[in-house]
Amino acid sequence: MIISKTPYRISFFGGGTDYPAWLDNNKGEVLSTTINKYIYLTCRLRERYFDKNFRIIWSKLENVPKITDIEHNAVRNIFINLKVNKPLELHYDGDMPAQSGVGSSSTFVVGLTHILYSIQGKKISKNFLAKKSIFFEQSILKETVGLQDQVAASYGGFNNIIFNKRNFTVKKFKFKENQKRKLNSNLIIMYLGHRKTTANQIAKSYINNLNLKKNHKKLISIYESVSIAKKLLLSGKLDDFGRLIGEVWEKKREIGDNISNNFIDNIYKNALRKGALGGKLLGAGGGGFFLFYVKKKKQSEFKNFFKKFIFTDFEFDNLGSQILYNDEKKIKF
C-alpha cells in the first residue's frame, strides 16, 4: 500500500491572474497558504484473484474491468495518459468537501499524480509535480483552471507565487512568526454549503470577462494587491491586511456573473456588522467557504450570530504533498 497526503489551500490575493487567458498578455501573482486539512489517497496493487481489475472508492464505489469503464473523470483520464496497465485499488478521503473553494480538484490531481509516480519507484520534485498536475488538469481533463492551486498543493507553505506566461516561481513568504500566528488566529472560514454551479462553469464565465476592457483595470488592481498585502504583513499591519481582503473581494465579485449573489452579499454585509474587517469567498465563487478576518476577541459573538453555518478551525501547513507510507514493490506501467 502507498499513501499520499496533500493539503488544501487558502488564496488571499491575486486569484484570477493565474489563468492562461490572462497570462498570455499580462503578469500574474498570488499570495496563498496551504492549511492543515488534507486529501488522503491510498493505492495498492490489486491481486489477480479479484474478478475486476480496478476498484475506485470515492463518493461512489466502482469495481470495473477496464480503465475506460472508470466513472471518475480525473482517475480515468490520468490512468489512460500514464498508461496504467496493472490492476489497482484507489481510495479517496478528504477532510473538506469538494467544490468548496479550497482547491479540492487540483489537490486531488496533485495527490493522484504523486502516488502514481511513487508506486513506480519514481522520486519527483515539487516543481515536476506541480507542472505535471497543471498539464493533467488543463490539457488532459480540459478543465478551466488556473495555475496556482496545483503549485500550492505541491509545494505547501505560505507562498508568493509569480507567473510569467505558463511558468511560475515560488517564493516562500517569510514574516515574523508571532505575526503569522496572530494572522492565523484572526482568520475564520465558514462553510456556506455546496455550490449550485460548478467551479468549472463559474471559471468559464470569469474567463470570458477577463479581457474585457471594462475589467482590465480591476484585474490589474487585483494583481497589484499582492504587493500591497506583502508590505502590510512585513510591517505587522494585520488589520489593514484584513481590510484589504474585503476591498479586493468587492472588485473580484464584479468580474464574473456567478461569483456572488444576493445570499452571499447579505452574509458579507452582516459579517462586517458583526466584527469582520474584511472577507472573501474562496475559490471561483458561488458558494463553499467564506474567509473572514475577525479579531480574536470578537470571534465568539461573530460565530454565535452565524451559528447555523459550519466553522472550521485550521492552521497554516508547510509541507505540501507528501508520501506518508509506501510498502509496495516497485511496478512499471
C-alpha atoms as a PDB file:
ATOM      1  CA  MET A   1       0.000   0.000   0.000  1.00  0.00           C
ATOM      2  CA  ILE A   2       1.051   3.594  -0.660  1.00  0.00           C
ATOM      3  CA  ILE A   3      -0.499   6.675   0.949  1.00  0.00           C
ATOM      4  CA  SER A   4      -0.316  10.299  -0.185  1.00  0.00           C
ATOM      5  CA  LYS A   5      -1.311  13.346   1.863  1.00  0.00           C
ATOM      6  CA  THR A   6      -1.907  16.632   0.031  1.00  0.00           C
ATOM      7  CA  PRO A   7      -3.043  19.957   1.588  1.00  0.00           C
ATOM      8  CA  TYR A   8      -5.893  22.248   0.607  1.00  0.00           C
ATOM      9  CA  ARG A   9      -5.117  25.925   0.168  1.00  0.00           C
ATOM     10  CA  ILE A  10      -6.431  29.385   1.011  1.00  0.00           C
ATOM     11  CA  SER A  11      -5.740  32.057  -1.592  1.00  0.00           C
ATOM     12  CA  PHE A  12      -5.541  35.583  -0.179  1.00  0.00           C
ATOM     13  CA  PHE A  13      -4.711  37.820  -3.118  1.00  0.00           C
ATOM     14  CA  GLY A  14      -4.131  37.637  -6.864  1.00  0.00           C
ATOM     15  CA  GLY A  15      -6.633  34.893  -7.672  1.00  0.00           C
ATOM     16  CA  GLY A  16      -7.676  35.142 -11.314  1.00  0.00           C
ATOM     17  CA  THR A  17      -4.333  36.479 -12.516  1.00  0.00           C
ATOM     18  CA  ASP A  18      -3.094  32.865 -12.755  1.00  0.00           C
ATOM     19  CA  TYR A  19      -5.400  31.876 -15.632  1.00  0.00           C
ATOM     20  CA  PRO A  20      -3.762  31.247 -19.022  1.00  0.00           C
ATOM     21  CA  ALA A  21      -6.200  33.649 -20.721  1.00  0.00           C
ATOM     22  CA  TRP A  22      -4.822  36.459 -18.538  1.00  0.00           C
ATOM     23  CA  LEU A  23      -1.182  35.339 -18.573  1.00  0.00           C
ATOM     24  CA  ASP A  24      -0.974  35.346 -22.359  1.00  0.00           C
ATOM     25  CA  ASN A  25      -0.734  39.144 -22.233  1.00  0.00           C
ATOM     26  CA  ASN A  26      -0.239  40.066 -18.581  1.00  0.00           C
ATOM     27  CA  LYS A  27       1.742  39.238 -15.473  1.00  0.00           C
ATOM     28  CA  GLY A  28       0.255  37.164 -12.673  1.00  0.00           C
ATOM     29  CA  GLU A  29       0.973  36.823  -8.977  1.00  0.00           C
ATOM     30  CA  VAL A  30      -0.754  35.331  -5.938  1.00  0.00           C
ATOM     31  CA  LEU A  31      -0.279  35.199  -2.185  1.00  0.00           C
ATOM     32  CA  SER A  32      -1.614  31.995  -0.639  1.00  0.00           C
ATOM     33  CA  THR A  33      -1.108  29.396   2.049  1.00  0.00           C
ATOM     34  CA  THR A  34      -1.845  25.728   2.442  1.00  0.00           C
ATOM     35  CA  ILE A  35      -3.659  24.599   5.592  1.00  0.00           C
ATOM     36  CA  ASN A  36      -3.674  21.516   7.814  1.00  0.00           C
ATOM     37  CA  LYS A  37      -6.650  19.957   6.037  1.00  0.00           C
ATOM     38  CA  TYR A  38      -5.785  17.242   3.539  1.00  0.00           C
ATOM     39  CA  ILE A  39      -6.801  14.838   0.820  1.00  0.00           C
ATOM     40  CA  TYR A  40      -5.567  11.321   1.525  1.00  0.00           C
ATOM     41  CA  LEU A  41      -5.220   8.753  -1.248  1.00  0.00           C
ATOM     42  CA  THR A  42      -4.300   5.121  -0.741  1.00  0.00           C
ATOM     43  CA  CYS A  43      -3.316   2.942  -3.644  1.00  0.00           C
ATOM     44  CA  ARG A  44      -2.251  -0.682  -3.912  1.00  0.00           C
ATOM     45  CA  LEU A  45      -1.705  -3.381  -6.489  1.00  0.00           C
ATOM     46  CA  ARG A  46      -4.847  -5.478  -6.858  1.00  0.00           C
ATOM     47  CA  GLU A  47      -4.381  -9.245  -6.701  1.00  0.00           C
ATOM     48  CA  ARG A  48      -5.329 -11.324  -9.738  1.00  0.00           C
ATOM     49  CA  TYR A  49      -7.928 -13.387  -7.913  1.00  0.00           C
ATOM     50  CA  PHE A  50     -10.312 -10.401  -7.842  1.00  0.00           C
ATOM     51  CA  ASP A  51     -12.685 -10.516 -10.803  1.00  0.00           C
ATOM     52  CA  LYS A  52     -12.408  -6.769 -11.541  1.00  0.00           C
ATOM     53  CA  ASN A  53      -9.085  -5.062 -12.268  1.00  0.00           C
ATOM     54  CA  PHE A  54      -9.899  -1.635 -10.830  1.00  0.00           C
ATOM     55  CA  ARG A  55     -11.581  -0.678  -7.581  1.00  0.00           C
ATOM     56  CA  ILE A  56     -12.077   3.089  -7.128  1.00  0.00           C
ATOM     57  CA  ILE A  57     -13.599   4.291  -3.860  1.00  0.00           C
ATOM     58  CA  TRP A  58     -14.759   7.901  -3.641  1.00  0.00           C
ATOM     59  CA  SER A  59     -18.338   9.112  -3.109  1.00  0.00           C
ATOM     60  CA  LYS A  60     -19.109   6.015  -5.164  1.00  0.00           C
ATOM     61  CA  LEU A  61     -17.641   2.535  -5.144  1.00  0.00           C
ATOM     62  CA  GLU A  62     -16.528   1.365  -8.580  1.00  0.00           C
ATOM     63  CA  ASN A  63     -15.459  -2.183  -9.461  1.00  0.00           C
ATOM     64  CA  VAL A  64     -14.652  -2.248 -13.156  1.00  0.00           C
ATOM     65  CA  PRO A  65     -12.637  -4.490 -15.515  1.00  0.00           C
ATOM     66  CA  LYS A  66     -11.184  -1.741 -17.744  1.00  0.00           C
ATOM     67  CA  ILE A  67      -9.790   1.750 -17.247  1.00  0.00           C
ATOM     68  CA  THR A  68     -12.252   3.139 -19.779  1.00  0.00           C
ATOM     69  CA  ASP A  69     -15.098   1.918 -17.561  1.00  0.00           C
ATOM     70  CA  ILE A  70     -13.984   4.097 -14.622  1.00  0.00           C
ATOM     71  CA  GLU A  71     -16.578   6.796 -13.977  1.00  0.00           C
ATOM     72  CA  HIS A  72     -14.343   9.195 -12.011  1.00  0.00           C
ATOM     73  CA  ASN A  73     -13.211  11.557 -14.754  1.00  0.00           C
ATOM     74  CA  ALA A  74      -9.803  12.522 -13.330  1.00  0.00           C
ATOM     75  CA  VAL A  75      -8.856   8.962 -12.378  1.00  0.00           C
ATOM     76  CA  ARG A  76      -9.915   7.526 -15.734  1.00  0.00           C
ATOM     77  CA  ASN A  77      -8.104  10.083 -17.874  1.00  0.00           C
ATOM     78  CA  ILE A  78      -4.907  10.233 -15.807  1.00  0.00           C
ATOM     79  CA  PHE A  79      -4.725   6.418 -15.731  1.00  0.00           C
ATOM     80  CA  ILE A  80      -5.088   6.419 -19.526  1.00  0.00           C
ATOM     81  CA  ASN A  81      -2.453   9.126 -20.012  1.00  0.00           C
ATOM     82  CA  LEU A  82       0.080   7.346 -17.783  1.00  0.00           C
ATOM     83  CA  LYS A  83      -0.711   4.032 -19.472  1.00  0.00           C
ATOM     84  CA  VAL A  84      -1.588   2.260 -16.232  1.00  0.00           C
ATOM     85  CA  ASN A  85      -1.554  -1.446 -17.139  1.00  0.00           C
ATOM     86  CA  LYS A  86      -1.619  -3.001 -13.686  1.00  0.00           C
ATOM     87  CA  PRO A  87      -4.790  -3.700 -11.650  1.00  0.00           C
ATOM     88  CA  LEU A  88      -5.051  -1.055  -8.922  1.00  0.00           C
ATOM     89  CA  GLU A  89      -7.250  -0.151  -5.985  1.00  0.00           C
ATOM     90  CA  LEU A  90      -7.549   3.557  -5.168  1.00  0.00           C
ATOM     91  CA  HIS A  91      -9.285   5.005  -2.105  1.00  0.00           C
ATOM     92  CA  TYR A  92     -10.046   8.727  -1.642  1.00  0.00           C
ATOM     93  CA  ASP A  93     -10.676  10.544   1.663  1.00  0.00           C
ATOM     94  CA  GLY A  94     -10.887  14.320   2.042  1.00  0.00           C
ATOM     95  CA  ASP A  95     -11.057  16.499   5.164  1.00  0.00           C
ATOM     96  CA  MET A  96     -13.120  19.109   3.311  1.00  0.00           C
ATOM     97  CA  PRO A  97     -15.953  18.897   0.756  1.00  0.00           C
ATOM     98  CA  ALA A  98     -15.455  19.133  -2.997  1.00  0.00           C
ATOM     99  CA  GLN A  99     -16.492  22.289  -4.867  1.00  0.00           C
ATOM    100  CA  SER A 100     -15.932  24.454  -1.786  1.00  0.00           C
ATOM    101  CA  GLY A 101     -13.208  26.909  -2.862  1.00  0.00           C
ATOM    102  CA  VAL A 102     -10.160  25.401  -1.176  1.00  0.00           C
ATOM    103  CA  GLY A 103      -8.653  23.915  -4.347  1.00  0.00           C
ATOM    104  CA  SER A 104     -10.006  20.390  -3.879  1.00  0.00           C
ATOM    105  CA  SER A 105      -9.957  19.388  -7.560  1.00  0.00           C
ATOM    106  CA  SER A 106      -6.329  20.380  -8.035  1.00  0.00           C
ATOM    107  CA  THR A 107      -5.370  18.941  -4.652  1.00  0.00           C
ATOM    108  CA  PHE A 108      -6.830  15.608  -5.736  1.00  0.00           C
ATOM    109  CA  VAL A 109      -4.926  15.678  -9.043  1.00  0.00           C
ATOM    110  CA  VAL A 110      -1.659  16.544  -7.253  1.00  0.00           C
ATOM    111  CA  GLY A 111      -2.141  13.702  -4.759  1.00  0.00           C
ATOM    112  CA  LEU A 112      -3.067  11.229  -7.509  1.00  0.00           C
ATOM    113  CA  THR A 113      -0.106  12.259  -9.673  1.00  0.00           C
ATOM    114  CA  HIS A 114       2.252  11.939  -6.699  1.00  0.00           C
ATOM    115  CA  ILE A 115       1.006   8.480  -5.783  1.00  0.00           C
ATOM    116  CA  LEU A 116       1.107   7.099  -9.340  1.00  0.00           C
ATOM    117  CA  TYR A 117       4.713   8.159  -9.847  1.00  0.00           C
ATOM    118  CA  SER A 118       5.716   6.916  -6.393  1.00  0.00           C
ATOM    119  CA  ILE A 119       4.191   3.476  -6.902  1.00  0.00           C
ATOM    120  CA  GLN A 120       6.547   3.133  -9.866  1.00  0.00           C
ATOM    121  CA  GLY A 121       9.503   3.959  -7.614  1.00  0.00           C
ATOM    122  CA  LYS A 122       9.993   7.392  -9.201  1.00  0.00           C
ATOM    123  CA  LYS A 123      11.021  10.273  -6.963  1.00  0.00           C
ATOM    124  CA  ILE A 124       9.766  13.552  -8.390  1.00  0.00           C
ATOM    125  CA  SER A 125      10.440  17.161  -7.436  1.00  0.00           C
ATOM    126  CA  LYS A 126       7.786  19.607  -6.266  1.00  0.00           C
ATOM    127  CA  ASN A 127       8.334  21.549  -9.490  1.00  0.00           C
ATOM    128  CA  PHE A 128       7.726  18.452 -11.648  1.00  0.00           C
ATOM    129  CA  LEU A 129       4.666  17.504  -9.582  1.00  0.00           C
ATOM    130  CA  ALA A 130       3.113  20.962  -9.983  1.00  0.00           C
ATOM    131  CA  LYS A 131       3.809  21.157 -13.727  1.00  0.00           C
ATOM    132  CA  LYS A 132       2.548  17.633 -14.390  1.00  0.00           C
ATOM    133  CA  SER A 133      -0.624  18.313 -12.404  1.00  0.00           C
ATOM    134  CA  ILE A 134      -1.227  21.544 -14.351  1.00  0.00           C
ATOM    135  CA  PHE A 135      -0.769  19.590 -17.582  1.00  0.00           C
ATOM    136  CA  PHE A 136      -3.260  16.934 -16.475  1.00  0.00           C
ATOM    137  CA  GLU A 137      -5.936  19.434 -15.476  1.00  0.00           C
ATOM    138  CA  GLN A 138      -5.578  21.830 -18.385  1.00  0.00           C
ATOM    139  CA  SER A 139      -4.578  19.565 -21.293  1.00  0.00           C
ATOM    140  CA  ILE A 140      -5.955  16.128 -20.403  1.00  0.00           C
ATOM    141  CA  LEU A 141      -9.041  16.894 -18.303  1.00  0.00           C
ATOM    142  CA  LYS A 142      -9.744  20.123 -20.244  1.00  0.00           C
ATOM    143  CA  GLU A 143     -10.719  21.941 -17.051  1.00  0.00           C
ATOM    144  CA  THR A 144     -10.923  25.734 -16.915  1.00  0.00           C
ATOM    145  CA  VAL A 145      -8.401  26.216 -14.126  1.00  0.00           C
ATOM    146  CA  GLY A 146      -5.524  28.484 -13.281  1.00  0.00           C
ATOM    147  CA  LEU A 147      -2.033  27.521 -12.180  1.00  0.00           C
ATOM    148  CA  GLN A 148      -1.957  28.499  -8.506  1.00  0.00           C
ATOM    149  CA  ASP A 149      -3.796  25.571  -6.882  1.00  0.00           C
ATOM    150  CA  GLN A 150      -1.527  22.836  -8.232  1.00  0.00           C
ATOM    151  CA  VAL A 151       1.571  24.825  -7.256  1.00  0.00           C
ATOM    152  CA  ALA A 152       0.267  25.488  -3.743  1.00  0.00           C
ATOM    153  CA  ALA A 153      -0.688  21.845  -3.119  1.00  0.00           C
ATOM    154  CA  SER A 154       2.650  20.577  -4.450  1.00  0.00           C
ATOM    155  CA  TYR A 155       4.918  22.975  -2.561  1.00  0.00           C
ATOM    156  CA  GLY A 156       2.931  23.731   0.590  1.00  0.00           C
ATOM    157  CA  GLY A 157       3.526  26.714   2.838  1.00  0.00           C
ATOM    158  CA  PHE A 158       2.819  30.430   2.869  1.00  0.00           C
ATOM    159  CA  ASN A 159       3.909  31.422  -0.634  1.00  0.00           C
ATOM    160  CA  ASN A 160       4.222  34.268  -3.064  1.00  0.00           C
ATOM    161  CA  ILE A 161       3.794  32.612  -6.470  1.00  0.00           C
ATOM    162  CA  ILE A 162       4.786  34.638  -9.525  1.00  0.00           C
ATOM    163  CA  PHE A 163       3.600  33.703 -13.026  1.00  0.00           C
ATOM    164  CA  ASN A 164       5.215  34.587 -16.327  1.00  0.00           C
ATOM    165  CA  LYS A 165       3.218  33.141 -19.209  1.00  0.00           C
ATOM    166  CA  ARG A 166       2.889  29.457 -18.233  1.00  0.00           C
ATOM    167  CA  ASN A 167       5.982  29.424 -15.998  1.00  0.00           C
ATOM    168  CA  PHE A 168       5.994  30.034 -12.263  1.00  0.00           C
ATOM    169  CA  THR A 169       8.386  30.946  -9.464  1.00  0.00           C
ATOM    170  CA  VAL A 170       7.620  30.021  -5.869  1.00  0.00           C
ATOM    171  CA  LYS A 171       8.958  32.274  -3.124  1.00  0.00           C
ATOM    172  CA  LYS A 172       8.384  31.287   0.482  1.00  0.00           C
ATOM    173  CA  PHE A 173       6.922  34.389   2.062  1.00  0.00           C
ATOM    174  CA  LYS A 174       8.561  34.958   5.427  1.00  0.00           C
ATOM    175  CA  PHE A 175       7.358  37.359   8.079  1.00  0.00           C
ATOM    176  CA  LYS A 176       7.574  37.347  11.880  1.00  0.00           C
ATOM    177  CA  GLU A 177       6.360  34.077  13.393  1.00  0.00           C
ATOM    178  CA  ASN A 178       4.344  35.829  16.102  1.00  0.00           C
ATOM    179  CA  GLN A 179       2.606  37.884  13.402  1.00  0.00           C
ATOM    180  CA  LYS A 180       1.979  34.746  11.384  1.00  0.00           C
ATOM    181  CA  ARG A 181       0.356  33.054  14.387  1.00  0.00           C
ATOM    182  CA  LYS A 182      -1.732  36.150  15.094  1.00  0.00           C
ATOM    183  CA  LEU A 183      -2.883  36.297  11.454  1.00  0.00           C
ATOM    184  CA  ASN A 184      -3.856  32.633  11.616  1.00  0.00           C
ATOM    185  CA  SER A 185      -5.860  33.227  14.819  1.00  0.00           C
ATOM    186  CA  ASN A 186      -7.705  36.193  13.260  1.00  0.00           C
ATOM    187  CA  LEU A 187      -8.861  34.214  10.216  1.00  0.00           C
ATOM    188  CA  ILE A 188     -12.131  32.289  10.133  1.00  0.00           C
ATOM    189  CA  ILE A 189     -13.505  30.062   7.417  1.00  0.00           C
ATOM    190  CA  MET A 190     -17.255  29.494   7.348  1.00  0.00           C
ATOM    191  CA  TYR A 191     -18.959  26.918   5.145  1.00  0.00           C
ATOM    192  CA  LEU A 192     -21.974  28.273   3.268  1.00  0.00           C
ATOM    193  CA  GLY A 193     -22.878  24.969   1.648  1.00  0.00           C
ATOM    194  CA  HIS A 194     -22.380  23.332  -1.727  1.00  0.00           C
ATOM    195  CA  ARG A 195     -22.163  25.461  -4.841  1.00  0.00           C
ATOM    196  CA  LYS A 196     -25.147  25.158  -7.169  1.00  0.00           C
ATOM    197  CA  THR A 197     -22.824  25.952 -10.085  1.00  0.00           C
ATOM    198  CA  THR A 198     -19.568  24.035 -10.530  1.00  0.00           C
ATOM    199  CA  ALA A 199     -16.229  25.792 -10.211  1.00  0.00           C
ATOM    200  CA  ASN A 200     -15.523  24.961 -13.855  1.00  0.00           C
ATOM    201  CA  GLN A 201     -18.722  26.712 -15.005  1.00  0.00           C
ATOM    202  CA  ILE A 202     -18.035  29.757 -12.822  1.00  0.00           C
ATOM    203  CA  ALA A 203     -14.439  29.901 -14.078  1.00  0.00           C
ATOM    204  CA  LYS A 204     -15.623  29.856 -17.711  1.00  0.00           C
ATOM    205  CA  SER A 205     -17.822  32.864 -17.011  1.00  0.00           C
ATOM    206  CA  TYR A 206     -14.873  34.554 -15.299  1.00  0.00           C
ATOM    207  CA  ILE A 207     -12.521  33.775 -18.188  1.00  0.00           C
ATOM    208  CA  ASN A 208     -14.961  35.212 -20.726  1.00  0.00           C
ATOM    209  CA  ASN A 209     -14.814  38.513 -18.836  1.00  0.00           C
ATOM    210  CA  LEU A 210     -11.066  38.608 -18.143  1.00  0.00           C
ATOM    211  CA  ASN A 211     -10.001  40.523 -21.203  1.00  0.00           C
ATOM    212  CA  LEU A 212     -12.999  42.809 -21.469  1.00  0.00           C
ATOM    213  CA  LYS A 213     -11.767  46.379 -21.417  1.00  0.00           C
ATOM    214  CA  LYS A 214     -14.045  47.314 -18.514  1.00  0.00           C
ATOM    215  CA  ASN A 215     -12.489  44.595 -16.318  1.00  0.00           C
ATOM    216  CA  HIS A 216      -8.833  45.090 -17.208  1.00  0.00           C
ATOM    217  CA  LYS A 217      -8.275  47.782 -14.566  1.00  0.00           C
ATOM    218  CA  LYS A 218      -9.903  45.595 -11.908  1.00  0.00           C
ATOM    219  CA  LEU A 219      -7.615  42.682 -12.757  1.00  0.00           C
ATOM    220  CA  ILE A 220      -4.571  44.945 -12.676  1.00  0.00           C
ATOM    221  CA  SER A 221      -5.718  46.158  -9.258  1.00  0.00           C
ATOM    222  CA  ILE A 222      -6.126  42.547  -8.069  1.00  0.00           C
ATOM    223  CA  TYR A 223      -2.612  41.799  -9.318  1.00  0.00           C
ATOM    224  CA  GLU A 224      -1.188  44.879  -7.566  1.00  0.00           C
ATOM    225  CA  SER A 225      -2.944  43.936  -4.305  1.00  0.00           C
ATOM    226  CA  VAL A 226      -0.373  41.165  -3.794  1.00  0.00           C
ATOM    227  CA  SER A 227       2.447  43.673  -3.436  1.00  0.00           C
ATOM    228  CA  ILE A 228       0.388  45.799  -1.043  1.00  0.00           C
ATOM    229  CA  ALA A 229      -0.548  42.751   1.052  1.00  0.00           C
ATOM    230  CA  LYS A 230       3.086  41.669   1.388  1.00  0.00           C
ATOM    231  CA  LYS A 231       4.098  45.113   2.658  1.00  0.00           C
ATOM    232  CA  LEU A 232       1.278  45.083   5.207  1.00  0.00           C
ATOM    233  CA  LEU A 233       2.365  41.702   6.572  1.00  0.00           C
ATOM    234  CA  LEU A 234       6.009  42.695   6.762  1.00  0.00           C
ATOM    235  CA  SER A 235       5.106  45.866   8.676  1.00  0.00           C
ATOM    236  CA  GLY A 236       2.767  43.990  11.039  1.00  0.00           C
ATOM    237  CA  LYS A 237      -0.378  45.809   9.863  1.00  0.00           C
ATOM    238  CA  LEU A 238      -2.591  42.745  10.087  1.00  0.00           C
ATOM    239  CA  ASP A 239      -5.885  44.621  10.427  1.00  0.00           C
ATOM    240  CA  ASP A 240      -5.153  46.518   7.225  1.00  0.00           C
ATOM    241  CA  PHE A 241      -4.373  43.171   5.590  1.00  0.00           C
ATOM    242  CA  GLY A 242      -7.842  42.006   6.668  1.00  0.00           C
ATOM    243  CA  ARG A 243      -9.492  45.133   5.280  1.00  0.00           C
ATOM    244  CA  LEU A 244      -7.635  44.697   2.007  1.00  0.00           C
ATOM    245  CA  ILE A 245      -9.109  41.193   1.622  1.00  0.00           C
ATOM    246  CA  GLY A 246     -12.555  42.807   1.590  1.00  0.00           C
ATOM    247  CA  GLU A 247     -11.573  45.619  -0.760  1.00  0.00           C
ATOM    248  CA  VAL A 248     -10.246  43.181  -3.339  1.00  0.00           C
ATOM    249  CA  TRP A 249     -13.278  40.902  -2.931  1.00  0.00           C
ATOM    250  CA  GLU A 250     -15.523  43.842  -3.874  1.00  0.00           C
ATOM    251  CA  LYS A 251     -13.610  44.171  -7.147  1.00  0.00           C
ATOM    252  CA  LYS A 252     -13.451  40.474  -7.958  1.00  0.00           C
ATOM    253  CA  ARG A 253     -17.150  39.825  -7.368  1.00  0.00           C
ATOM    254  CA  GLU A 254     -17.988  42.252 -10.195  1.00  0.00           C
ATOM    255  CA  ILE A 255     -15.942  40.420 -12.823  1.00  0.00           C
ATOM    256  CA  GLY A 256     -17.798  37.101 -13.144  1.00  0.00           C
ATOM    257  CA  ASP A 257     -21.555  36.633 -13.432  1.00  0.00           C
ATOM    258  CA  ASN A 258     -21.769  33.790 -10.894  1.00  0.00           C
ATOM    259  CA  ILE A 259     -19.093  34.774  -8.385  1.00  0.00           C
ATOM    260  CA  SER A 260     -21.580  36.244  -5.908  1.00  0.00           C
ATOM    261  CA  ASN A 261     -25.345  36.567  -5.398  1.00  0.00           C
ATOM    262  CA  ASN A 262     -27.811  38.260  -3.031  1.00  0.00           C
ATOM    263  CA  PHE A 263     -27.481  35.495  -0.425  1.00  0.00           C
ATOM    264  CA  ILE A 264     -23.682  35.812  -0.345  1.00  0.00           C
ATOM    265  CA  ASP A 265     -23.786  39.630  -0.406  1.00  0.00           C
ATOM    266  CA  ASN A 266     -26.129  39.714   2.592  1.00  0.00           C
ATOM    267  CA  ILE A 267     -23.867  37.360   4.541  1.00  0.00           C
ATOM    268  CA  TYR A 268     -20.921  39.642   3.856  1.00  0.00           C
ATOM    269  CA  LYS A 269     -22.814  42.767   4.945  1.00  0.00           C
ATOM    270  CA  ASN A 270     -23.852  41.087   8.196  1.00  0.00           C
ATOM    271  CA  ALA A 271     -20.304  39.830   8.751  1.00  0.00           C
ATOM    272  CA  LEU A 272     -18.970  43.393   8.567  1.00  0.00           C
ATOM    273  CA  ARG A 273     -21.630  44.493  11.067  1.00  0.00           C
ATOM    274  CA  LYS A 274     -20.619  41.701  13.450  1.00  0.00           C
ATOM    275  CA  GLY A 275     -16.922  42.451  13.574  1.00  0.00           C
ATOM    276  CA  ALA A 276     -15.265  41.250  10.377  1.00  0.00           C
ATOM    277  CA  LEU A 277     -12.822  43.768   8.934  1.00  0.00           C
ATOM    278  CA  GLY A 278     -12.924  42.052   5.557  1.00  0.00           C
ATOM    279  CA  GLY A 279     -13.580  38.772   3.834  1.00  0.00           C
ATOM    280  CA  LYS A 280     -13.896  36.918   0.558  1.00  0.00           C
ATOM    281  CA  LEU A 281     -15.325  33.785  -0.930  1.00  0.00           C
ATOM    282  CA  LEU A 282     -12.577  31.267  -1.521  1.00  0.00           C
ATOM    283  CA  GLY A 283     -12.020  29.830  -4.970  1.00  0.00           C
ATOM    284  CA  ALA A 284     -14.154  30.514  -8.023  1.00  0.00           C
ATOM    285  CA  GLY A 285     -17.139  31.803  -6.033  1.00  0.00           C
ATOM    286  CA  GLY A 286     -20.806  30.881  -5.924  1.00  0.00           C
ATOM    287  CA  GLY A 287     -20.639  29.182  -2.509  1.00  0.00           C
ATOM    288  CA  GLY A 288     -18.373  26.964  -0.464  1.00  0.00           C
ATOM    289  CA  PHE A 289     -16.095  28.513   2.171  1.00  0.00           C
ATOM    290  CA  PHE A 290     -16.096  32.207   3.076  1.00  0.00           C
ATOM    291  CA  LEU A 291     -12.882  33.543   4.608  1.00  0.00           C
ATOM    292  CA  PHE A 292     -13.233  36.341   7.170  1.00  0.00           C
ATOM    293  CA  TYR A 293     -10.713  38.400   9.084  1.00  0.00           C
ATOM    294  CA  VAL A 294     -12.156  38.821  12.599  1.00  0.00           C
ATOM    295  CA  LYS A 295     -10.123  39.828  15.644  1.00  0.00           C
ATOM    296  CA  LYS A 296      -9.924  37.034  18.192  1.00  0.00           C
ATOM    297  CA  LYS A 297     -11.865  38.925  20.873  1.00  0.00           C
ATOM    298  CA  LYS A 298     -14.855  39.359  18.542  1.00  0.00           C
ATOM    299  CA  GLN A 299     -14.997  35.835  17.171  1.00  0.00           C
ATOM    300  CA  SER A 300     -17.333  34.381  19.802  1.00  0.00           C
ATOM    301  CA  GLU A 301     -20.060  36.935  19.039  1.00  0.00           C
ATOM    302  CA  PHE A 302     -19.422  36.536  15.318  1.00  0.00           C
ATOM    303  CA  LYS A 303     -19.770  32.756  15.399  1.00  0.00           C
ATOM    304  CA  ASN A 304     -22.862  32.936  17.573  1.00  0.00           C
ATOM    305  CA  PHE A 305     -24.587  35.220  15.057  1.00  0.00           C
ATOM    306  CA  PHE A 306     -23.765  32.806  12.205  1.00  0.00           C
ATOM    307  CA  LYS A 307     -24.407  29.666  14.278  1.00  0.00           C
ATOM    308  CA  LYS A 308     -26.412  27.954  11.536  1.00  0.00           C
ATOM    309  CA  PHE A 309     -23.234  27.729   9.453  1.00  0.00           C
ATOM    310  CA  ILE A 310     -20.228  25.447   9.977  1.00  0.00           C
ATOM    311  CA  PHE A 311     -16.895  26.908  11.099  1.00  0.00           C
ATOM    312  CA  THR A 312     -13.635  25.029  10.537  1.00  0.00           C
ATOM    313  CA  ASP A 313     -10.527  25.578  12.656  1.00  0.00           C
ATOM    314  CA  PHE A 314      -7.272  25.412  10.732  1.00  0.00           C
ATOM    315  CA  GLU A 315      -3.577  26.144  10.919  1.00  0.00           C
ATOM    316  CA  PHE A 316      -1.134  27.005   8.167  1.00  0.00           C
ATOM    317  CA  ASP A 317       0.608  23.982   6.589  1.00  0.00           C
ATOM    318  CA  ASN A 318       4.241  23.994   5.468  1.00  0.00           C
ATOM    319  CA  LEU A 319       4.990  20.658   3.809  1.00  0.00           C
ATOM    320  CA  GLY A 320       2.960  20.298   0.627  1.00  0.00           C
ATOM    321  CA  SER A 321       2.107  16.939  -0.931  1.00  0.00           C
ATOM    322  CA  GLN A 322       3.790  14.002   0.821  1.00  0.00           C
ATOM    323  CA  ILE A 323       4.076  10.258   0.520  1.00  0.00           C
ATOM    324  CA  LEU A 324       3.383   9.036   4.049  1.00  0.00           C
ATOM    325  CA  TYR A 325       3.855   5.318   3.549  1.00  0.00           C
ATOM    326  CA  ASN A 326       4.966   3.013   0.758  1.00  0.00           C
ATOM    327  CA  ASP A 327       5.445  -0.725   1.125  1.00  0.00           C
ATOM    328  CA  GLU A 328       4.515  -1.576  -2.472  1.00  0.00           C
ATOM    329  CA  LYS A 329       7.049  -3.291  -4.656  1.00  0.00           C
ATOM    330  CA  LYS A 330       8.187  -1.099  -7.492  1.00  0.00           C
ATOM    331  CA  ILE A 331       5.951  -1.624 -10.539  1.00  0.00           C
ATOM    332  CA  LYS A 332       6.131  -0.338 -14.077  1.00  0.00           C
ATOM    333  CA  PHE A 333       3.226   0.858 -16.195  1.00  0.00           C
END
